[in-house]
C-alpha cells in the first residue's frame, strides 16, 4: 500500500475538469507558489495555530523489526 487514498471516478473527473479550466489552473498554481514561499518556521507556526482544530485519536500499533 502506497499510503495514498484511492480516488473515486467522480473525484477523478472533477480533477480533470479542474485541470482543463484555465482559471482553476491559475488558482492552483498561485496557491502552490504561495505555499512554497514560507519557511519552516512559518509551517511550524501554522501547525501550532491549528492544533486545536484536529481531533487526536491514539491507537496502539505493535510493530516488528523497528518499522512503523
C-alpha atoms as a PDB file:
ATOM      1  CA  UNK A   1       0.000   0.000   0.000  1.00  0.00           C
ATOM      2  CA  UNK A   2       1.390   3.375  -1.014  1.00  0.00           C
ATOM      3  CA  UNK A   3      -0.350   5.498   1.625  1.00  0.00           C
ATOM      4  CA  UNK A   4      -2.294   7.488  -0.956  1.00  0.00           C
ATOM      5  CA  UNK A   5      -6.084   7.494  -0.909  1.00  0.00           C
ATOM      6  CA  UNK A   6      -7.807   5.860  -3.863  1.00  0.00           C
ATOM      7  CA  UNK A   7      -9.878   8.398  -5.785  1.00  0.00           C
ATOM      8  CA  UNK A   8     -13.404   7.652  -6.905  1.00  0.00           C
ATOM      9  CA  UNK A   9     -14.325   8.039 -10.568  1.00  0.00           C
ATOM     10  CA  UNK A  10     -16.237  11.218  -9.702  1.00  0.00           C
ATOM     11  CA  UNK A  11     -13.181  12.703  -7.964  1.00  0.00           C
ATOM     12  CA  UNK A  12     -11.014  11.834 -10.974  1.00  0.00           C
ATOM     13  CA  UNK A  13     -13.490  13.557 -13.313  1.00  0.00           C
ATOM     14  CA  UNK A  14     -13.523  16.641 -11.108  1.00  0.00           C
ATOM     15  CA  UNK A  15      -9.723  16.809 -11.118  1.00  0.00           C
ATOM     16  CA  UNK A  16      -9.615  16.517 -14.902  1.00  0.00           C
ATOM     17  CA  UNK A  17     -12.233  19.285 -15.240  1.00  0.00           C
ATOM     18  CA  UNK A  18     -10.168  21.496 -12.922  1.00  0.00           C
ATOM     19  CA  UNK A  19      -7.033  20.816 -14.961  1.00  0.00           C
ATOM     20  CA  UNK A  20      -8.774  21.796 -18.204  1.00  0.00           C
ATOM     21  CA  UNK A  21     -10.163  25.069 -16.791  1.00  0.00           C
ATOM     22  CA  UNK A  22      -7.568  27.857 -17.293  1.00  0.00           C
ATOM     23  CA  UNK A  23      -8.883  29.913 -14.357  1.00  0.00           C
ATOM     24  CA  UNK A  24      -8.768  26.956 -11.951  1.00  0.00           C
ATOM     25  CA  UNK A  25      -5.277  26.092 -13.214  1.00  0.00           C
ATOM     26  CA  UNK A  26      -4.145  29.634 -12.412  1.00  0.00           C
ATOM     27  CA  UNK A  27      -5.705  29.424  -8.942  1.00  0.00           C
ATOM     28  CA  UNK A  28      -3.942  26.135  -8.167  1.00  0.00           C
ATOM     29  CA  UNK A  29      -0.623  27.498  -9.455  1.00  0.00           C
ATOM     30  CA  UNK A  30      -0.975  30.647  -7.344  1.00  0.00           C
ATOM     31  CA  UNK A  31      -1.785  28.558  -4.249  1.00  0.00           C
ATOM     32  CA  UNK A  32       1.217  26.315  -4.849  1.00  0.00           C
ATOM     33  CA  UNK A  33       3.569  29.258  -5.370  1.00  0.00           C
ATOM     34  CA  UNK A  34       2.219  30.940  -2.224  1.00  0.00           C
ATOM     35  CA  UNK A  35       2.672  27.784  -0.153  1.00  0.00           C
ATOM     36  CA  UNK A  36       6.293  27.404  -1.262  1.00  0.00           C
ATOM     37  CA  UNK A  37       7.271  30.921  -0.178  1.00  0.00           C
ATOM     38  CA  UNK A  38       7.108  30.178   3.555  1.00  0.00           C
ATOM     39  CA  UNK A  39       9.919  28.968   5.772  1.00  0.00           C
ATOM     40  CA  UNK A  40       9.962  26.001   8.125  1.00  0.00           C
ATOM     41  CA  UNK A  41       9.213  28.450  10.958  1.00  0.00           C
ATOM     42  CA  UNK A  42       6.062  29.606   9.116  1.00  0.00           C
ATOM     43  CA  UNK A  43       4.999  25.991   8.713  1.00  0.00           C
ATOM     44  CA  UNK A  44       5.531  25.183  12.391  1.00  0.00           C
ATOM     45  CA  UNK A  45       3.592  28.314  13.379  1.00  0.00           C
ATOM     46  CA  UNK A  46       0.731  27.274  11.073  1.00  0.00           C
ATOM     47  CA  UNK A  47       0.633  23.810  12.647  1.00  0.00           C
ATOM     48  CA  UNK A  48       0.751  25.253  16.159  1.00  0.00           C
ATOM     49  CA  UNK A  49      -2.125  27.642  15.480  1.00  0.00           C
ATOM     50  CA  UNK A  50      -4.328  24.890  14.067  1.00  0.00           C
ATOM     51  CA  UNK A  51      -3.668  22.037  16.507  1.00  0.00           C
ATOM     52  CA  UNK A  52      -6.912  22.800  18.354  1.00  0.00           C
ATOM     53  CA  UNK A  53      -8.989  22.015  15.252  1.00  0.00           C
ATOM     54  CA  UNK A  54      -7.700  18.438  14.900  1.00  0.00           C
ATOM     55  CA  UNK A  55      -9.114  15.615  16.980  1.00  0.00           C
ATOM     56  CA  UNK A  56      -6.344  13.440  18.349  1.00  0.00           C
ATOM     57  CA  UNK A  57      -7.130   9.728  18.238  1.00  0.00           C
ATOM     58  CA  UNK A  58      -4.383   7.448  19.514  1.00  0.00           C
ATOM     59  CA  UNK A  59      -4.208   3.802  18.576  1.00  0.00           C
ATOM     60  CA  UNK A  60      -1.947   1.041  19.798  1.00  0.00           C
ATOM     61  CA  UNK A  61       0.108  -0.407  16.976  1.00  0.00           C
ATOM     62  CA  UNK A  62       2.541  -3.236  17.574  1.00  0.00           C
ATOM     63  CA  UNK A  63       5.466  -3.132  15.182  1.00  0.00           C
ATOM     64  CA  UNK A  64       8.211  -5.601  14.419  1.00  0.00           C
ATOM     65  CA  UNK A  65      11.729  -5.037  13.132  1.00  0.00           C
ATOM     66  CA  UNK A  66      11.719  -1.330  14.149  1.00  0.00           C
ATOM     67  CA  UNK A  67       9.250  -0.452  11.371  1.00  0.00           C
ATOM     68  CA  UNK A  68       6.291   1.850  11.949  1.00  0.00           C
END
